[in-house]
Protein backbone atom coordinates (compact mmCIF):
# COMPACT_ATOMS: atom_id res chain seq x y z
CA MET A 1 23.09 -40.12 -19.81
CA GLU A 2 22.49 -36.85 -18.48
CA ARG A 3 26.38 -35.84 -18.47
CA PHE A 4 26.44 -37.27 -22.28
CA LEU A 5 23.78 -35.09 -22.90
CA ASN A 6 25.43 -31.65 -21.49
CA SER A 7 29.01 -32.71 -22.91
CA ARG A 8 30.46 -29.83 -25.55
CA TRP A 9 30.76 -33.02 -27.84
CA PHE A 10 26.77 -33.82 -28.12
CA PRO A 11 26.00 -31.05 -30.82
CA TRP A 12 28.90 -32.55 -32.91
CA ILE A 13 28.24 -35.85 -32.69
CA SER A 14 24.68 -34.99 -33.49
CA TRP A 15 24.89 -33.12 -36.56
CA GLY A 16 27.54 -35.72 -38.04
CA ALA A 17 25.52 -38.70 -37.63
CA THR A 18 22.38 -36.74 -39.82
CA ILE A 19 24.71 -36.24 -42.29
CA LEU A 20 25.83 -39.51 -42.83
CA LEU A 21 22.17 -40.67 -42.41
CA VAL A 22 20.95 -38.42 -45.21
CA LEU A 23 24.06 -39.48 -47.75
CA ALA A 24 23.01 -43.14 -47.13
CA SER A 25 19.59 -42.50 -48.00
CA ALA A 26 20.24 -40.60 -51.32
CA ALA A 27 22.77 -42.95 -52.22
CA PHE A 28 20.32 -45.90 -51.98
CA VAL A 29 17.42 -44.08 -53.77
CA PHE A 30 20.05 -43.91 -56.47
CA ILE A 31 21.09 -47.19 -57.27
CA ARG A 32 17.78 -48.22 -56.54
CA LYS A 33 16.31 -45.99 -59.47
CA GLY A 34 19.02 -46.85 -61.74
CA ASP A 35 18.53 -50.24 -61.24
CA ALA A 36 15.08 -50.31 -62.28
CA LEU A 37 15.51 -48.74 -65.65
CA PHE A 38 18.80 -51.17 -66.54
CA ASN A 39 16.57 -53.49 -65.89
CA GLN A 40 13.05 -52.54 -67.76
CA THR A 41 15.69 -51.34 -70.94
CA GLY A 42 18.64 -53.88 -70.98
CA ASN A 43 21.77 -52.25 -72.19
CA THR A 44 20.07 -49.54 -74.08
CA VAL A 45 17.26 -47.47 -72.68
CA GLN A 46 15.50 -44.01 -73.17
CA PRO A 47 16.65 -40.93 -71.78
CA ILE A 48 14.65 -40.43 -68.81
CA ALA A 49 14.40 -37.36 -66.23
CA ILE A 50 14.16 -38.82 -62.48
CA LEU A 51 13.22 -36.27 -59.85
CA THR A 52 14.39 -36.05 -56.57
CA THR A 53 13.12 -34.96 -53.47
CA PRO A 54 14.50 -31.71 -52.13
CA THR A 55 16.93 -33.20 -48.87
CA PRO A 56 16.10 -30.79 -45.91
CA SER A 57 18.60 -27.97 -45.55
CA MET A 58 21.87 -28.85 -43.32
CA GLY A 59 22.42 -25.61 -42.55
CA SER A 60 25.60 -24.24 -44.07
CA ILE A 61 28.47 -26.57 -42.99
CA PRO A 62 31.88 -25.92 -44.28
CA GLY A 63 33.09 -28.87 -47.19
CA LEU A 64 29.69 -30.24 -47.20
CA ASP A 65 27.71 -30.39 -50.64
CA THR A 66 23.91 -32.22 -50.42
CA THR A 67 22.59 -31.42 -53.48
CA LEU A 68 20.92 -34.61 -55.65
CA PRO A 69 21.25 -35.11 -59.46
CA SER A 70 18.26 -33.91 -60.70
CA MET A 71 18.34 -35.69 -63.92
CA LEU A 72 19.63 -38.88 -65.12
CA GLU A 73 20.70 -39.27 -68.60
CA LEU A 74 21.67 -42.85 -70.67
CA PRO A 75 21.97 -43.72 -73.92
CA SER A 76 19.17 -43.90 -76.33
CA VAL A 77 18.19 -45.79 -79.28
CA GLU A 78 16.31 -42.98 -82.43
CA ARG A 79 13.24 -45.20 -83.80
CA ASP A 80 11.67 -43.77 -87.20
CA LEU A 81 8.16 -43.37 -87.07
CA VAL A 82 6.98 -45.72 -90.02
CA LEU A 83 3.31 -45.12 -91.33
CA ASP A 84 1.55 -47.98 -93.36
CA THR A 85 -0.09 -46.55 -96.11
CA ALA A 86 -0.14 -48.18 -98.88
CA ILE A 87 -3.52 -48.99 -100.29
CA PRO A 88 -3.58 -52.69 -102.49
CA GLU A 89 -4.13 -52.95 -105.97
CA ARG A 90 -6.87 -54.57 -107.33
CA ASP A 91 -7.52 -55.63 -111.10
CA ARG A 92 -9.80 -53.80 -112.57
CA THR A 93 -12.83 -55.63 -113.71
CA ARG A 94 -15.37 -52.45 -115.44
CA ILE A 95 -15.26 -51.65 -118.97
CA LEU A 96 -13.97 -48.34 -119.54
CA THR A 97 -14.55 -45.39 -122.05
CA HIS A 98 -12.22 -43.30 -123.51
CA ILE A 99 -12.92 -40.21 -125.68
CA VAL A 100 -9.86 -39.72 -128.43
CA GLU A 101 -8.14 -36.62 -128.08
CA GLN A 102 -5.27 -34.95 -130.33
CA GLY A 103 -2.30 -36.59 -129.79
CA ASP A 104 -3.57 -39.86 -129.06
CA SER A 105 -2.49 -43.25 -130.22
CA VAL A 106 -3.49 -46.83 -129.88
CA PHE A 107 -0.40 -47.50 -128.39
CA GLY A 108 -0.55 -44.55 -126.09
CA ILE A 109 -4.19 -45.20 -125.14
CA SER A 110 -2.84 -48.84 -124.23
CA LYS A 111 0.00 -47.99 -122.38
CA THR A 112 -2.41 -45.77 -120.27
CA TYR A 113 -4.67 -48.20 -119.03
CA ALA A 114 -2.20 -51.25 -118.62
CA ILE A 115 -3.17 -52.57 -121.32
CA SER A 116 -2.18 -54.34 -125.00
CA PRO A 117 -2.44 -52.37 -128.21
CA ASP A 118 -3.94 -56.11 -129.56
CA SER A 119 -6.63 -55.97 -126.60
CA LEU A 120 -7.83 -52.52 -127.43
CA LEU A 121 -8.47 -53.01 -131.08
CA TRP A 122 -9.88 -56.47 -130.55
CA ALA A 123 -12.08 -54.53 -128.12
CA ASN A 124 -13.55 -51.89 -130.88
CA TYR A 125 -13.20 -53.74 -134.08
CA ASP A 126 -16.46 -52.02 -134.71
CA THR A 127 -14.79 -48.82 -134.94
CA LEU A 128 -11.27 -49.19 -135.82
CA ASN A 129 -11.69 -52.33 -138.05
CA ASP A 130 -8.50 -53.56 -136.40
CA ASP A 131 -6.32 -50.38 -138.51
CA PRO A 132 -4.85 -48.46 -135.44
CA HIS A 133 -4.54 -45.06 -138.00
CA SER A 134 -8.71 -44.74 -137.78
CA ILE A 135 -8.70 -43.34 -134.57
CA ARG A 136 -10.36 -39.72 -134.87
CA PRO A 137 -10.35 -37.46 -132.51
CA GLY A 138 -14.16 -37.87 -130.31
CA VAL A 139 -14.03 -41.05 -131.23
CA GLU A 140 -15.41 -43.47 -127.83
CA LEU A 141 -13.23 -46.32 -127.31
CA ARG A 142 -14.48 -49.23 -125.22
CA ILE A 143 -11.03 -50.24 -122.75
CA PRO A 144 -10.94 -53.12 -121.82
CA PRO A 145 -10.24 -54.62 -118.22
CA THR A 146 -7.15 -57.01 -118.87
CA ASN A 147 -5.80 -58.38 -121.92
CA GLY A 148 -7.47 -60.63 -124.01
CA ILE A 149 -10.59 -60.40 -126.41
CA LEU A 150 -13.76 -58.41 -125.32
CA TYR A 151 -16.41 -60.48 -127.06
CA GLU A 152 -20.58 -59.86 -127.20
CA TRP A 153 -22.03 -62.95 -127.18
CA GLN A 154 -24.35 -64.16 -129.78
CA GLU A 155 -26.75 -66.60 -130.14
CA GLY A 156 -26.23 -70.07 -129.90
CA ASP A 157 -22.66 -69.73 -128.54
CA THR A 158 -21.23 -72.01 -126.35
CA LEU A 159 -18.60 -71.67 -123.72
CA GLN A 160 -16.27 -74.63 -125.33
CA ALA A 161 -16.67 -73.01 -128.89
CA VAL A 162 -16.26 -69.85 -127.86
CA ALA A 163 -13.21 -70.26 -125.79
CA GLU A 164 -11.41 -72.94 -128.84
CA LYS A 165 -12.00 -69.83 -131.87
CA TYR A 166 -10.65 -67.10 -129.17
CA ASN A 167 -7.30 -69.53 -128.08
CA THR A 168 -8.29 -69.51 -124.24
CA GLU A 169 -9.40 -72.08 -121.62
CA VAL A 170 -13.15 -72.59 -120.77
CA ALA A 171 -12.22 -72.07 -116.71
CA ASP A 172 -10.87 -68.73 -117.07
CA ILE A 173 -13.70 -67.30 -118.62
CA LEU A 174 -16.21 -68.99 -115.94
CA GLY A 175 -12.96 -67.62 -113.62
CA TRP A 176 -13.08 -64.23 -114.48
CA ILE A 177 -14.98 -62.27 -111.44
CA GLY A 178 -16.02 -59.57 -114.09
CA ASN A 179 -17.86 -61.75 -116.36
CA ASN A 180 -20.33 -62.47 -112.87
CA ILE A 181 -21.43 -66.50 -113.96
CA ASP A 182 -23.29 -67.66 -112.39
CA LEU A 183 -20.81 -71.16 -111.70
CA THR A 184 -23.85 -73.63 -111.04
CA ASP A 185 -25.61 -72.48 -114.16
CA PRO A 186 -23.60 -71.11 -116.22
CA LYS A 187 -25.91 -69.03 -118.97
CA ILE A 188 -25.12 -66.30 -121.19
CA GLU A 189 -27.45 -64.50 -122.44
CA PRO A 190 -26.80 -63.19 -126.09
CA GLY A 191 -25.45 -59.43 -126.45
CA THR A 192 -23.40 -59.78 -123.09
CA LEU A 193 -20.46 -58.65 -123.33
CA VAL A 194 -17.79 -61.17 -122.39
CA MET A 195 -13.75 -60.62 -121.21
CA LEU A 196 -11.97 -63.65 -122.75
CA PRO A 197 -9.14 -63.17 -120.88
CA GLY A 198 -5.70 -64.18 -122.83
CA GLY A 199 -7.59 -64.69 -125.42
CA SER A 200 -6.67 -63.79 -129.23
CA ARG A 201 -7.50 -63.79 -133.02
CA GLU A 202 -6.28 -62.80 -136.12
CA TYR A 203 -6.20 -59.51 -137.58
CA LYS A 204 -7.52 -57.80 -140.71
CA GLN A 205 -4.27 -56.54 -142.37
CA TRP A 206 -4.41 -53.37 -144.61
CA LEU A 207 -1.07 -53.94 -146.30
CA ILE A 208 0.32 -52.94 -149.48
CA PRO A 209 1.98 -56.38 -151.74
CA THR A 210 5.67 -56.71 -151.20
CA VAL A 211 6.88 -55.11 -154.79
CA ALA A 212 10.37 -56.40 -155.96
CA ARG A 213 12.99 -55.78 -158.84
CA GLY A 214 12.86 -58.53 -160.31
CA SER A 215 15.62 -61.19 -159.20
CA SER A 216 16.66 -59.84 -155.96
CA GLY A 217 15.54 -62.82 -153.27
CA THR A 218 12.42 -60.63 -152.48
CA ALA A 219 8.94 -62.72 -152.11
CA ASN A 220 6.02 -61.69 -153.98
CA ALA A 221 8.23 -60.52 -157.11
CA SER A 222 5.88 -58.53 -159.15
CA THR A 223 6.27 -58.16 -163.16
CA SER A 224 8.23 -54.96 -162.02
CA ALA A 225 11.15 -54.45 -164.95
CA CYS A 226 13.86 -52.41 -162.87
CA GLY A 227 16.46 -55.41 -163.41
CA GLY A 228 19.72 -54.58 -161.44
CA GLY A 229 20.77 -51.96 -158.80
CA PRO A 230 22.71 -51.09 -155.68
CA ILE A 231 22.76 -54.16 -153.35
CA GLY A 232 22.03 -52.68 -149.27
CA SER A 233 24.61 -53.31 -147.11
CA GLY A 234 21.90 -54.94 -144.57
CA ALA A 235 22.81 -51.45 -142.31
CA PHE A 236 19.81 -49.48 -141.40
CA ILE A 237 20.31 -45.88 -140.86
CA TRP A 238 16.73 -43.43 -139.53
CA PRO A 239 14.60 -41.84 -142.46
CA SER A 240 14.62 -39.22 -140.68
CA ALA A 241 15.84 -36.94 -138.59
CA ASN A 242 13.73 -37.86 -135.42
CA HIS A 243 14.92 -40.78 -133.46
CA PHE A 244 11.52 -41.01 -131.42
CA LEU A 245 8.20 -42.51 -132.40
CA SER A 246 5.31 -40.18 -132.20
CA GLY A 247 2.48 -42.90 -131.86
CA ASN A 248 2.29 -46.49 -132.42
CA ASP A 249 5.28 -48.51 -131.96
CA TYR A 250 5.66 -51.64 -133.65
CA TYR A 251 3.43 -54.42 -132.66
CA ALA A 252 0.66 -57.20 -134.15
CA GLY A 253 -1.81 -55.10 -135.10
CA HIS A 254 0.81 -52.30 -136.33
CA LEU A 255 3.95 -53.96 -138.40
CA ALA A 256 5.72 -50.41 -138.29
CA ILE A 257 7.39 -47.97 -136.59
CA ASP A 258 5.79 -43.97 -136.51
CA ILE A 259 8.72 -42.07 -136.39
CA ALA A 260 7.89 -38.66 -135.41
CA GLY A 261 8.09 -35.08 -137.12
CA ALA A 262 6.56 -32.46 -138.80
CA GLU A 263 5.02 -31.94 -142.34
CA GLY A 264 8.02 -31.11 -144.40
CA ASP A 265 10.35 -32.86 -142.29
CA GLY A 266 12.97 -34.58 -145.13
CA VAL A 267 12.68 -38.60 -145.54
CA TRP A 268 15.57 -40.74 -146.87
CA ALA A 269 16.53 -43.97 -148.01
CA SER A 270 17.34 -45.96 -144.78
CA ASP A 271 19.89 -48.33 -147.35
CA ALA A 272 21.08 -48.88 -151.10
CA GLY A 273 18.13 -50.06 -152.88
CA VAL A 274 16.01 -49.33 -156.26
CA VAL A 275 12.57 -47.86 -155.99
CA THR A 276 10.24 -50.28 -156.58
CA LYS A 277 7.19 -48.00 -156.21
CA ALA A 278 6.43 -44.18 -155.79
CA ASP A 279 2.69 -43.81 -155.56
CA THR A 280 0.45 -40.64 -154.44
CA GLY A 281 -2.98 -41.24 -153.30
CA TRP A 282 -5.44 -43.36 -150.98
CA ASN A 283 -2.81 -47.08 -151.27
CA TYR A 284 -4.91 -49.15 -148.44
CA GLY A 285 -4.84 -46.51 -146.14
CA TYR A 286 -0.85 -45.52 -146.55
CA GLY A 287 -1.43 -42.58 -148.26
CA ASN A 288 1.63 -41.11 -150.58
CA VAL A 289 4.10 -44.10 -150.33
CA VAL A 290 7.13 -45.15 -151.63
CA MET A 291 9.25 -48.91 -151.67
CA ILE A 292 12.43 -49.84 -152.04
CA ASP A 293 14.00 -53.17 -152.47
CA HIS A 294 17.38 -53.28 -151.06
CA GLY A 295 18.38 -57.01 -153.25
CA ASN A 296 18.69 -58.88 -150.67
CA GLY A 297 15.47 -59.72 -149.22
CA TYR A 298 14.98 -56.73 -147.48
CA ALA A 299 12.68 -53.53 -148.41
CA THR A 300 11.71 -51.31 -146.77
CA LEU A 301 8.55 -49.04 -146.96
CA TYR A 302 7.68 -44.91 -145.94
CA ALA A 303 4.42 -44.00 -145.87
CA HIS A 304 1.92 -40.80 -145.36
CA LEU A 305 4.04 -38.89 -147.36
CA SER A 306 3.34 -34.89 -148.26
CA VAL A 307 5.94 -35.18 -150.70
CA ILE A 308 7.82 -37.56 -152.91
CA ASN A 309 10.87 -37.04 -154.34
CA VAL A 310 11.60 -40.47 -156.74
CA ALA A 311 10.72 -42.57 -159.22
CA VAL A 312 10.30 -46.61 -160.04
CA CYS A 313 13.47 -47.99 -160.49
CA GLN A 314 15.33 -45.25 -159.69
CA SER A 315 18.60 -46.12 -157.99
CA VAL A 316 19.28 -44.79 -154.28
CA TYR A 317 21.72 -45.51 -151.53
CA ALA A 318 21.55 -44.77 -147.61
CA GLY A 319 20.93 -40.71 -147.23
CA THR A 320 19.29 -40.12 -150.52
CA TYR A 321 16.54 -37.75 -150.28
CA ILE A 322 12.86 -39.55 -150.81
CA GLY A 323 10.60 -37.02 -149.71
CA ALA A 324 8.65 -35.27 -146.70
CA ILE A 325 6.86 -36.44 -143.72
CA GLY A 326 3.13 -35.97 -144.03
CA ASN A 327 -0.32 -36.59 -143.34
CA THR A 328 -1.73 -38.18 -146.14
CA GLY A 329 -4.21 -40.96 -146.17
CA ASN A 330 -5.43 -43.02 -143.09
CA SER A 331 -3.25 -40.84 -140.91
CA PHE A 332 -3.98 -39.02 -137.60
CA GLY A 333 -1.18 -36.08 -137.37
CA ALA A 334 2.33 -35.91 -139.30
CA HIS A 335 4.59 -38.33 -138.57
CA LEU A 336 6.62 -41.26 -140.77
CA HIS A 337 5.58 -45.01 -141.12
CA PHE A 338 8.15 -46.72 -141.97
CA GLU A 339 8.19 -50.73 -142.28
CA VAL A 340 10.75 -53.24 -143.11
CA ARG A 341 10.02 -56.61 -144.75
CA LEU A 342 12.62 -59.62 -144.59
CA ASN A 343 11.63 -62.02 -148.13
CA GLY A 344 7.92 -60.87 -148.28
CA GLY A 345 7.30 -60.92 -144.12
CA PHE A 346 7.62 -58.08 -140.97
CA ILE A 347 10.39 -57.61 -139.15
CA ASN A 348 10.42 -55.46 -136.23
CA PRO A 349 12.61 -52.04 -137.14
CA TRP A 350 14.23 -51.78 -134.05
CA ASN A 351 15.92 -55.02 -135.15
CA VAL A 352 17.80 -53.34 -137.55
CA LEU A 353 17.89 -49.53 -136.68
CA GLY A 354 20.97 -48.18 -135.28
CA GLN A 355 20.34 -46.55 -131.90
């Protein structure tokens, strides 16, 4: 043994064994850490840095690279950060108050509070008297929490009688959480405001009766002696330059559309016919008004005019100038109140006007 240790080959053999041992150790560490990453995340892993322990200096040996990798780069999956900040919507149960401002309308206010125009009118009968044109700046309106009737309980009322009168169900009245009714003893004190969800009632309508020119087929024919004249085509044109609304749309409490316009803007006949009404004054709140019988069952009405340019029994054609937009009668801001009637009944003007 002493002879072997003193031989000239011993240093070379010793260095070779050391190098092999270092390489084997490095390979073992590399393989073990790679397997651990693979087993934890499967085929798809996050990038991770693996720090290695520096190896002892081997000295300067030609052709020998003892540097180990300092970082392992592996494929990754990117994930977006999602924050759930949605706030659950809850039904409103409180009665709100709205102070009317310039430019408001029953239709616009109801849209703001996500209720129907009918519900808004019904909740404010004492103020508006079922007339959507009655709102004025500064008027205070009650905003019901949902669609239906906001009803003030009267002495002698019963749940069954009130439900039947206003087309709703007793269970709906009791079940509406905002009513706060004790189900074990459902007594309601007179003067209490009670929500009747889904309820409805008839309107008090403020309407000018249909005036016909004679044997035109229009219901409620008057003693008008206009006789014959042009017959409408049934294809209606817009009666003013604007094709959009300034306030109220068509609904049960407003059997017309309010077309936007400035005072003095022109108004023309929507179809051929004979003028059966051309009156100035209050006229049920219509103000200065023109009505045309189209001779085919249809009649149109133009209200709140500032100027009337036609006379009763005058023949007109689609596009004939009949007056100007105004703010007369029960009107809140200049606009054209436009109605279409068929055999005395009302139809939605949107159904006959060209877009």
